[in-house]
């Protein structure tokens, strides 16, 4: 799908415009924040990632925030999520 008006306005403003359009089509990473009121530490989340063979990155240790692989459905269906031990949260909503 081509957005003619968008394309006309932004092609000259955005460096590497074609790569920019490709990035818009990519899925955002899944973010998880450990609920420190219910979980003493966040080692359980690292164990889940290792058990499921999914890469993870502790982006902000002070907030117990992780970027993880896999679809949101995978993480939303876990028992730990239903128990409130972690929340699915976008990085953009954590920063404010």
PDB file of N, CA and C in Angstrom:
ATOM      1  N   UNK A   1       0.843  -1.181   0.000  1.00  0.00           N
ATOM      2  CA  UNK A   1       0.000   0.000   0.000  1.00  0.00           C
ATOM      3  C   UNK A   1       0.889   1.245   0.000  1.00  0.00           C
ATOM      4  N   UNK A   2       0.584   2.172  -0.843  1.00  0.00           N
ATOM      5  CA  UNK A   2       1.368   3.406  -0.922  1.00  0.00           C
ATOM      6  C   UNK A   2       0.536   4.558  -0.391  1.00  0.00           C
ATOM      7  N   UNK A   3       1.110   5.318   0.466  1.00  0.00           N
ATOM      8  CA  UNK A   3       0.458   6.499   1.004  1.00  0.00           C
ATOM      9  C   UNK A   3       1.046   7.693   0.282  1.00  0.00           C
ATOM     10  N   UNK A   4       0.387   8.123  -0.762  1.00  0.00           N
ATOM     11  CA  UNK A   4       0.932   9.140  -1.645  1.00  0.00           C
ATOM     12  C   UNK A   4       1.230  10.436  -0.905  1.00  0.00           C
ATOM     13  N   UNK A   5       0.290  10.946  -0.138  1.00  0.00           N
ATOM     14  CA  UNK A   5       0.487  12.208   0.563  1.00  0.00           C
ATOM     15  C   UNK A   5       1.623  12.096   1.579  1.00  0.00           C
ATOM     16  N   UNK A   6       1.644  11.012   2.334  1.00  0.00           N
ATOM     17  CA  UNK A   6       2.718  10.772   3.307  1.00  0.00           C
ATOM     18  C   UNK A   6       4.059  10.700   2.590  1.00  0.00           C
ATOM     19  N   UNK A   7       4.080   9.949   1.499  1.00  0.00           N
ATOM     20  CA  UNK A   7       5.308   9.762   0.736  1.00  0.00           C
ATOM     21  C   UNK A   7       5.830  11.090   0.214  1.00  0.00           C
ATOM     22  N   UNK A   8       4.955  11.904  -0.309  1.00  0.00           N
ATOM     23  CA  UNK A   8       5.366  13.199  -0.861  1.00  0.00           C
ATOM     24  C   UNK A   8       5.932  14.107   0.223  1.00  0.00           C
ATOM     25  N   UNK A   9       5.336  14.097   1.393  1.00  0.00           N
ATOM     26  CA  UNK A   9       5.758  15.016   2.459  1.00  0.00           C
ATOM     27  C   UNK A   9       7.061  14.587   3.146  1.00  0.00           C
ATOM     28  N   UNK A  10       7.242  13.304   3.322  1.00  0.00           N
ATOM     29  CA  UNK A  10       8.323  12.853   4.190  1.00  0.00           C
ATOM     30  C   UNK A  10       9.538  12.249   3.482  1.00  0.00           C
ATOM     31  N   UNK A  11       9.434  11.936   2.227  1.00  0.00           N
ATOM     32  CA  UNK A  11      10.556  11.297   1.523  1.00  0.00           C
ATOM     33  C   UNK A  11      11.826  12.133   1.620  1.00  0.00           C
ATOM     34  N   UNK A  12      11.720  13.434   1.491  1.00  0.00           N
ATOM     35  CA  UNK A  12      12.912  14.286   1.539  1.00  0.00           C
ATOM     36  C   UNK A  12      13.347  14.624   2.964  1.00  0.00           C
ATOM     37  N   UNK A  13      12.452  14.468   3.926  1.00  0.00           N
ATOM     38  CA  UNK A  13      12.786  14.815   5.310  1.00  0.00           C
ATOM     39  C   UNK A  13      13.486  13.699   6.071  1.00  0.00           C
ATOM     40  N   UNK A  14      13.173  12.457   5.737  1.00  0.00           N
ATOM     41  CA  UNK A  14      13.673  11.315   6.509  1.00  0.00           C
ATOM     42  C   UNK A  14      14.834  10.662   5.769  1.00  0.00           C
ATOM     43  N   UNK A  15      16.017  10.646   6.396  1.00  0.00           N
ATOM     44  CA  UNK A  15      17.147   9.956   5.762  1.00  0.00           C
ATOM     45  C   UNK A  15      16.846   8.456   5.653  1.00  0.00           C
ATOM     46  N   UNK A  16      17.279   7.859   4.572  1.00  0.00           N
ATOM     47  CA  UNK A  16      17.063   6.427   4.323  1.00  0.00           C
ATOM     48  C   UNK A  16      15.578   6.074   4.455  1.00  0.00           C
ATOM     49  N   UNK A  17      14.768   6.776   3.714  1.00  0.00           N
ATOM     50  CA  UNK A  17      13.306   6.689   3.783  1.00  0.00           C
ATOM     51  C   UNK A  17      12.788   5.271   3.539  1.00  0.00           C
ATOM     52  N   UNK A  18      13.375   4.547   2.594  1.00  0.00           N
ATOM     53  CA  UNK A  18      12.903   3.197   2.297  1.00  0.00           C
ATOM     54  C   UNK A  18      13.110   2.257   3.483  1.00  0.00           C
ATOM     55  N   UNK A  19      14.242   2.391   4.169  1.00  0.00           N
ATOM     56  CA  UNK A  19      14.499   1.590   5.364  1.00  0.00           C
ATOM     57  C   UNK A  19      13.529   1.975   6.488  1.00  0.00           C
ATOM     58  N   UNK A  20      13.212   3.258   6.577  1.00  0.00           N
ATOM     59  CA  UNK A  20      12.249   3.748   7.555  1.00  0.00           C
ATOM     60  C   UNK A  20      10.893   3.065   7.360  1.00  0.00           C
ATOM     61  N   UNK A  21      10.442   2.960   6.119  1.00  0.00           N
ATOM     62  CA  UNK A  21       9.161   2.304   5.827  1.00  0.00           C
ATOM     63  C   UNK A  21       9.185   0.831   6.206  1.00  0.00           C
ATOM     64  N   UNK A  22      10.327   0.164   5.991  1.00  0.00           N
ATOM     65  CA  UNK A  22      10.450  -1.241   6.394  1.00  0.00           C
ATOM     66  C   UNK A  22      10.338  -1.390   7.912  1.00  0.00           C
ATOM     67  N   UNK A  23      10.928  -0.453   8.648  1.00  0.00           N
ATOM     68  CA  UNK A  23      10.883  -0.505  10.110  1.00  0.00           C
ATOM     69  C   UNK A  23       9.462  -0.319  10.644  1.00  0.00           C
ATOM     70  N   UNK A  24       8.655   0.459   9.932  1.00  0.00           N
ATOM     71  CA  UNK A  24       7.271   0.654  10.357  1.00  0.00           C
ATOM     72  C   UNK A  24       6.462  -0.639  10.306  1.00  0.00           C
ATOM     73  N   UNK A  25       6.877  -1.568   9.456  1.00  0.00           N
ATOM     74  CA  UNK A  25       6.153  -2.823   9.293  1.00  0.00           C
ATOM     75  C   UNK A  25       6.561  -3.887  10.311  1.00  0.00           C
ATOM     76  N   UNK A  26       7.676  -3.663  11.010  1.00  0.00           N
ATOM     77  CA  UNK A  26       8.150  -4.635  11.988  1.00  0.00           C
ATOM     78  C   UNK A  26       7.316  -4.586  13.259  1.00  0.00           C
ATOM     79  N   UNK A  27       7.183  -5.726  13.927  1.00  0.00           N
ATOM     80  CA  UNK A  27       6.501  -5.774  15.217  1.00  0.00           C
ATOM     81  C   UNK A  27       7.353  -5.116  16.285  1.00  0.00           C
ATOM     82  N   UNK A  28       6.710  -4.480  17.232  1.00  0.00           N
ATOM     83  CA  UNK A  28       7.421  -3.896  18.361  1.00  0.00           C
ATOM     84  C   UNK A  28       7.859  -5.014  19.303  1.00  0.00           C
ATOM     85  N   UNK A  29       8.975  -4.816  20.003  1.00  0.00           N
ATOM     86  CA  UNK A  29       9.383  -5.850  20.960  1.00  0.00           C
ATOM     87  C   UNK A  29       8.386  -5.931  22.115  1.00  0.00           C
ATOM     88  N   UNK A  30       8.287  -7.111  22.706  1.00  0.00           N
ATOM     89  CA  UNK A  30       7.405  -7.309  23.854  1.00  0.00           C
ATOM     90  C   UNK A  30       8.179  -6.907  25.109  1.00  0.00           C
ATOM     91  N   UNK A  31       7.553  -6.096  25.922  1.00  0.00           N
ATOM     92  CA  UNK A  31       8.168  -5.665  27.167  1.00  0.00           C
ATOM     93  C   UNK A  31       7.438  -6.259  28.357  1.00  0.00           C
ATOM     94  N   UNK A  32       8.191  -6.681  29.359  1.00  0.00           N
ATOM     95  CA  UNK A  32       7.614  -7.235  30.586  1.00  0.00           C
ATOM     96  C   UNK A  32       8.192  -6.496  31.784  1.00  0.00           C
ATOM     97  N   UNK A  33       7.323  -6.144  32.714  1.00  0.00           N
ATOM     98  CA  UNK A  33       7.772  -5.505  33.951  1.00  0.00           C
ATOM     99  C   UNK A  33       7.359  -6.383  35.117  1.00  0.00           C
ATOM    100  N   UNK A  34       8.326  -6.734  35.938  1.00  0.00           N
ATOM    101  CA  UNK A  34       8.070  -7.593  37.106  1.00  0.00           C
ATOM    102  C   UNK A  34       7.374  -6.761  38.178  1.00  0.00           C
ATOM    103  N   UNK A  35       6.326  -7.331  38.766  1.00  0.00           N
ATOM    104  CA  UNK A  35       5.590  -6.689  39.846  1.00  0.00           C
ATOM    105  C   UNK A  35       6.317  -6.959  41.155  1.00  0.00           C
ATOM    106  N   UNK A  36       7.042  -5.974  41.635  1.00  0.00           N
ATOM    107  CA  UNK A  36       7.851  -6.144  42.849  1.00  0.00           C
ATOM    108  C   UNK A  36       7.002  -6.289  44.115  1.00  0.00           C
ATOM    109  N   UNK A  37       5.703  -5.984  44.034  1.00  0.00           N
ATOM    110  CA  UNK A  37       4.832  -6.173  45.189  1.00  0.00           C
ATOM    111  C   UNK A  37       4.481  -7.639  45.389  1.00  0.00           C
ATOM    112  N   UNK A  38       4.573  -8.431  44.319  1.00  0.00           N
ATOM    113  CA  UNK A  38       4.217  -9.845  44.406  1.00  0.00           C
ATOM    114  C   UNK A  38       5.401 -10.785  44.215  1.00  0.00           C
ATOM    115  N   UNK A  39       6.451 -10.313  43.564  1.00  0.00           N
ATOM    116  CA  UNK A  39       7.613 -11.171  43.286  1.00  0.00           C
ATOM    117  C   UNK A  39       8.825 -10.625  44.035  1.00  0.00           C
ATOM    118  N   UNK A  40       9.446 -11.459  44.839  1.00  0.00           N
ATOM    119  CA  UNK A  40      10.604 -11.031  45.617  1.00  0.00           C
ATOM    120  C   UNK A  40      11.770 -10.640  44.717  1.00  0.00           C
ATOM    121  N   UNK A  41      11.976 -11.408  43.644  1.00  0.00           N
ATOM    122  CA  UNK A  41      13.004 -11.071  42.667  1.00  0.00           C
ATOM    123  C   UNK A  41      12.501 -11.481  41.284  1.00  0.00           C
ATOM    124  N   UNK A  42      13.277 -11.161  40.271  1.00  0.00           N
ATOM    125  CA  UNK A  42      12.816 -11.429  38.908  1.00  0.00           C
ATOM    126  C   UNK A  42      13.517 -12.623  38.271  1.00  0.00           C
ATOM    127  N   UNK A  43      14.118 -13.471  39.082  1.00  0.00           N
ATOM    128  CA  UNK A  43      14.818 -14.633  38.528  1.00  0.00           C
ATOM    129  C   UNK A  43      13.845 -15.607  37.865  1.00  0.00           C
ATOM    130  N   UNK A  44      12.582 -15.628  38.315  1.00  0.00           N
ATOM    131  CA  UNK A  44      11.602 -16.528  37.699  1.00  0.00           C
ATOM    132  C   UNK A  44      11.398 -16.195  36.224  1.00  0.00           C
ATOM    133  N   UNK A  45      11.483 -14.920  35.878  1.00  0.00           N
ATOM    134  CA  UNK A  45      11.285 -14.511  34.490  1.00  0.00           C
ATOM    135  C   UNK A  45      12.442 -14.970  33.612  1.00  0.00           C
ATOM    136  N   UNK A  46      13.640 -14.884  34.145  1.00  0.00           N
ATOM    137  CA  UNK A  46      14.813 -15.366  33.411  1.00  0.00           C
ATOM    138  C   UNK A  46      14.745 -16.885  33.217  1.00  0.00           C
ATOM    139  N   UNK A  47      14.254 -17.595  34.216  1.00  0.00           N
ATOM    140  CA  UNK A  47      14.099 -19.056  34.090  1.00  0.00           C
ATOM    141  C   UNK A  47      13.071 -19.423  33.022  1.00  0.00           C
ATOM    142  N   UNK A  48      11.982 -18.660  32.944  1.00  0.00           N
ATOM    143  CA  UNK A  48      10.966 -18.909  31.916  1.00  0.00           C
ATOM    144  C   UNK A  48      11.581 -18.718  30.529  1.00  0.00           C
ATOM    145  N   UNK A  49      12.328 -17.644  30.360  1.00  0.00           N
ATOM    146  CA  UNK A  49      12.963 -17.363  29.064  1.00  0.00           C
ATOM    147  C   UNK A  49      13.924 -18.478  28.679  1.00  0.00           C
ATOM    148  N   UNK A  50      14.730 -18.921  29.630  1.00  0.00           N
ATOM    149  CA  UNK A  50      15.691 -19.991  29.355  1.00  0.00           C
ATOM    150  C   UNK A  50      14.973 -21.300  29.049  1.00  0.00           C
ATOM    151  N   UNK A  51      13.944 -21.625  29.798  1.00  0.00           N
ATOM    152  CA  UNK A  51      13.190 -22.859  29.580  1.00  0.00           C
ATOM    153  C   UNK A  51      12.536 -22.875  28.201  1.00  0.00           C
ATOM    154  N   UNK A  52      11.977 -21.734  27.787  1.00  0.00           N
ATOM    155  CA  UNK A  52      11.287 -21.650  26.501  1.00  0.00           C
ATOM    156  C   UNK A  52      12.250 -21.361  25.342  1.00  0.00           C
ATOM    157  N   UNK A  53      13.522 -21.154  25.658  1.00  0.00           N
ATOM    158  CA  UNK A  53      14.519 -20.886  24.618  1.00  0.00           C
ATOM    159  C   UNK A  53      14.338 -19.537  23.948  1.00  0.00           C
ATOM    160  N   UNK A  54      13.842 -18.560  24.704  1.00  0.00           N
ATOM    161  CA  UNK A  54      13.602 -17.236  24.144  1.00  0.00           C
ATOM    162  C   UNK A  54      14.631 -16.240  24.662  1.00  0.00           C
ATOM    163  N   UNK A  55      15.223 -15.460  23.769  1.00  0.00           N
ATOM    164  CA  UNK A  55      16.180 -14.457  24.225  1.00  0.00           C
ATOM    165  C   UNK A  55      15.471 -13.365  25.035  1.00  0.00           C
ATOM    166  N   UNK A  56      16.195 -12.805  25.971  1.00  0.00           N
ATOM    167  CA  UNK A  56      15.662 -11.722  26.786  1.00  0.00           C
ATOM    168  C   UNK A  56      16.787 -10.739  27.097  1.00  0.00           C
ATOM    169  N   UNK A  57      16.394  -9.526  27.386  1.00  0.00           N
ATOM    170  CA  UNK A  57      17.357  -8.471  27.684  1.00  0.00           C
ATOM    171  C   UNK A  57      16.772  -7.620  28.804  1.00  0.00           C
ATOM    172  N   UNK A  58      17.504  -7.505  29.888  1.00  0.00           N
ATOM    173  CA  UNK A  58      17.043  -6.678  31.005  1.00  0.00           C
ATOM    174  C   UNK A  58      17.427  -5.234  30.687  1.00  0.00           C
ATOM    175  N   UNK A  59      16.478  -4.492  30.136  1.00  0.00           N
ATOM    176  CA  UNK A  59      16.744  -3.153  29.623  1.00  0.00           C
ATOM    177  C   UNK A  59      16.950  -2.150  30.751  1.00  0.00           C
ATOM    178  N   UNK A  60      16.043  -2.136  31.719  1.00  0.00           N
ATOM    179  CA  UNK A  60      16.149  -1.225  32.855  1.00  0.00           C
ATOM    180  C   UNK A  60      16.097  -2.036  34.148  1.00  0.00           C
ATOM    181  N   UNK A  61      17.260  -2.412  34.686  1.00  0.00           N
ATOM    182  CA  UNK A  61      17.282  -3.233  35.906  1.00  0.00           C
ATOM    183  C   UNK A  61      16.585  -2.568  37.089  1.00  0.00           C
ATOM    184  N   UNK A  62      16.672  -1.239  37.190  1.00  0.00           N
ATOM    185  CA  UNK A  62      16.064  -0.554  38.337  1.00  0.00           C
ATOM    186  C   UNK A  62      14.536  -0.652  38.328  1.00  0.00           C
ATOM    187  N   UNK A  63      13.943  -0.903  37.161  1.00  0.00           N
ATOM    188  CA  UNK A  63      12.493  -1.070  37.062  1.00  0.00           C
ATOM    189  C   UNK A  63      12.094  -2.524  36.818  1.00  0.00           C
ATOM    190  N   UNK A  64      13.053  -3.439  36.810  1.00  0.00           N
ATOM    191  CA  UNK A  64      12.806  -4.856  36.496  1.00  0.00           C
ATOM    192  C   UNK A  64      12.047  -4.983  35.182  1.00  0.00           C
ATOM    193  N   UNK A  65      12.542  -4.284  34.162  1.00  0.00           N
ATOM    194  CA  UNK A  65      11.901  -4.276  32.843  1.00  0.00           C
ATOM    195  C   UNK A  65      12.740  -5.075  31.863  1.00  0.00           C
ATOM    196  N   UNK A  66      12.088  -5.994  31.154  1.00  0.00           N
ATOM    197  CA  UNK A  66      12.748  -6.862  30.177  1.00  0.00           C
ATOM    198  C   UNK A  66      12.147  -6.665  28.796  1.00  0.00           C
ATOM    199  N   UNK A  67      12.970  -6.796  27.780  1.00  0.00           N
ATOM    200  CA  UNK A  67      12.501  -6.999  26.418  1.00  0.00           C
ATOM    201  C   UNK A  67      12.667  -8.480  26.141  1.00  0.00           C
ATOM    202  N   UNK A  68      11.616  -9.114  25.653  1.00  0.00           N
ATOM    203  CA  UNK A  68      11.651 -10.552  25.428  1.00  0.00           C
ATOM    204  C   UNK A  68      11.180 -10.881  24.020  1.00  0.00           C
ATOM    205  N   UNK A  69      11.572 -12.046  23.564  1.00  0.00           N
ATOM    206  CA  UNK A  69      11.127 -12.531  22.252  1.00  0.00           C
ATOM    207  C   UNK A  69       9.822 -13.298  22.418  1.00  0.00           C
ATOM    208  N   UNK A  70       9.180 -13.529  21.320  1.00  0.00           N
ATOM    209  CA  UNK A  70       7.924 -14.271  21.343  1.00  0.00           C
ATOM    210  C   UNK A  70       6.735 -13.335  21.266  1.00  0.00           C
ATOM    211  N   UNK A  71       5.602 -13.845  20.837  1.00  0.00           N
ATOM    212  CA  UNK A  71       4.411 -12.998  20.717  1.00  0.00           C
ATOM    213  C   UNK A  71       3.813 -12.667  22.087  1.00  0.00           C
ATOM    214  N   UNK A  72       3.045 -11.595  22.142  1.00  0.00           N
ATOM    215  CA  UNK A  72       2.378 -11.209  23.392  1.00  0.00           C
ATOM    216  C   UNK A  72       1.476 -12.322  23.903  1.00  0.00           C
ATOM    217  N   UNK A  73       0.862 -13.071  22.973  1.00  0.00           N
ATOM    218  CA  UNK A  73      -0.012 -14.176  23.375  1.00  0.00           C
ATOM    219  C   UNK A  73       0.743 -15.188  24.230  1.00  0.00           C
ATOM    220  N   UNK A  74       1.998 -15.444  23.875  1.00  0.00           N
ATOM    221  CA  UNK A  74       2.816 -16.395  24.630  1.00  0.00           C
ATOM    222  C   UNK A  74       2.941 -15.926  26.079  1.00  0.00           C
ATOM    223  N   UNK A  75       3.251 -14.663  26.260  1.00  0.00           N
ATOM    224  CA  UNK A  75       3.499 -14.137  27.601  1.00  0.00           C
ATOM    225  C   UNK A  75       2.208 -13.879  28.361  1.00  0.00           C
ATOM    226  N   UNK A  76       1.137 -13.550  27.664  1.00  0.00           N
ATOM    227  CA  UNK A  76      -0.136 -13.309  28.326  1.00  0.00           C
ATOM    228  C   UNK A  76      -0.813 -14.575  28.816  1.00  0.00           C
ATOM    229  N   UNK A  77      -0.386 -15.718  28.312  1.00  0.00           N
ATOM    230  CA  UNK A  77      -0.995 -16.982  28.706  1.00  0.00           C
ATOM    231  C   UNK A  77      -0.285 -17.693  29.840  1.00  0.00           C
ATOM    232  N   UNK A  78       0.803 -17.170  30.301  1.00  0.00           N
ATOM    233  CA  UNK A  78       1.578 -17.819  31.367  1.00  0.00           C
ATOM    234  C   UNK A  78       0.878 -17.678  32.728  1.00  0.00           C
ATOM    235  N   UNK A  79       1.026 -18.689  33.559  1.00  0.00           N
ATOM    236  CA  UNK A  79       0.449 -18.667  34.906  1.00  0.00           C
ATOM    237  C   UNK A  79       0.970 -17.462  35.694  1.00  0.00           C
ATOM    238  N   UNK A  80       2.260 -17.183  35.572  1.00  0.00           N
ATOM    239  CA  UNK A  80       2.863 -16.071  36.317  1.00  0.00           C
ATOM    240  C   UNK A  80       2.211 -14.732  35.948  1.00  0.00           C
ATOM    241  N   UNK A  81       1.815 -14.610  34.687  1.00  0.00           N
ATOM    242  CA  UNK A  81       1.122 -13.384  34.265  1.00  0.00           C
ATOM    243  C   UNK A  81      -0.262 -13.309  34.905  1.00  0.00           C
ATOM    244  N   UNK A  82      -0.977 -14.426  34.910  1.00  0.00           N
ATOM    245  CA  UNK A  82      -2.318 -14.453  35.522  1.00  0.00           C
ATOM    246  C   UNK A  82      -2.260 -14.231  37.028  1.00  0.00           C
ATOM    247  N   UNK A  83      -1.166 -14.606  37.649  1.00  0.00           N
ATOM    248  CA  UNK A  83      -0.990 -14.381  39.087  1.00  0.00           C
ATOM    249  C   UNK A  83      -0.547 -12.957  39.403  1.00  0.00           C
ATOM    250  N   UNK A  84      -0.252 -12.175  38.363  1.00  0.00           N
ATOM    251  CA  UNK A  84       0.153 -10.776  38.559  1.00  0.00           C
ATOM    252  C   UNK A  84       1.613 -10.601  38.899  1.00  0.00           C
ATOM    253  N   UNK A  85       2.451 -11.614  38.622  1.00  0.00           N
ATOM    254  CA  UNK A  85       3.878 -11.497  38.928  1.00  0.00           C
ATOM    255  C   UNK A  85       4.607 -10.597  37.935  1.00  0.00           C
ATOM    256  N   UNK A  86       4.064 -10.479  36.717  1.00  0.00           N
ATOM    257  CA  UNK A  86       4.624  -9.549  35.736  1.00  0.00           C
ATOM    258  C   UNK A  86       3.513  -9.014  34.856  1.00  0.00           C
ATOM    259  N   UNK A  87       3.813  -7.872  34.244  1.00  0.00           N
ATOM    260  CA  UNK A  87       2.869  -7.224  33.346  1.00  0.00           C
ATOM    261  C   UNK A  87       3.498  -7.072  31.975  1.00  0.00           C
ATOM    262  N   UNK A  88       2.671  -7.129  30.955  1.00  0.00           N
ATOM    263  CA  UNK A  88       3.124  -6.814  29.602  1.00  0.00           C
ATOM    264  C   UNK A  88       3.003  -5.299  29.473  1.00  0.00           C
ATOM    265  N   UNK A  89       4.127  -4.659  29.167  1.00  0.00           N
ATOM    266  CA  UNK A  89       4.149  -3.200  29.131  1.00  0.00           C
ATOM    267  C   UNK A  89       5.105  -2.727  28.060  1.00  0.00           C
ATOM    268  N   UNK A  90       4.698  -1.755  27.273  1.00  0.00           N
ATOM    269  CA  UNK A  90       5.561  -1.178  26.249  1.00  0.00           C
ATOM    270  C   UNK A  90       6.608  -0.293  26.895  1.00  0.00           C
ATOM    271  N   UNK A  91       7.793  -0.280  26.341  1.00  0.00           N
ATOM    272  CA  UNK A  91       8.877   0.543  26.861  1.00  0.00           C
ATOM    273  C   UNK A  91       8.465   2.012  26.865  1.00  0.00           C
ATOM    274  N   UNK A  92       7.747   2.429  25.855  1.00  0.00           N
ATOM    275  CA  UNK A  92       7.345   3.838  25.764  1.00  0.00           C
ATOM    276  C   UNK A  92       6.459   4.267  26.941  1.00  0.00           C
ATOM    277  N   UNK A  93       5.678   3.352  27.503  1.00  0.00           N
ATOM    278  CA  UNK A  93       4.845   3.708  28.643  1.00  0.00           C
ATOM    279  C   UNK A  93       5.593   3.618  29.970  1.00  0.00           C
ATOM    280  N   UNK A  94       6.735   2.977  29.970  1.00  0.00           N
ATOM    281  CA  UNK A  94       7.535   2.885  31.196  1.00  0.00           C
ATOM    282  C   UNK A  94       8.318   4.178  31.442  1.00  0.00           C
ATOM    283  N   UNK A  95       8.808   4.784  30.390  1.00  0.00           N
ATOM    284  CA  UNK A  95       9.701   5.923  30.537  1.00  0.00           C
ATOM    285  C   UNK A  95       9.064   7.166  31.167  1.00  0.00           C
ATOM    286  N   UNK A  96       7.809   7.532  30.848  1.00  0.00           N
ATOM    287  CA  UNK A  96       7.238   8.718  31.496  1.00  0.00           C
ATOM    288  C   UNK A  96       7.096   8.507  32.979  1.00  0.00           C
TER     289      UNK A  96
END
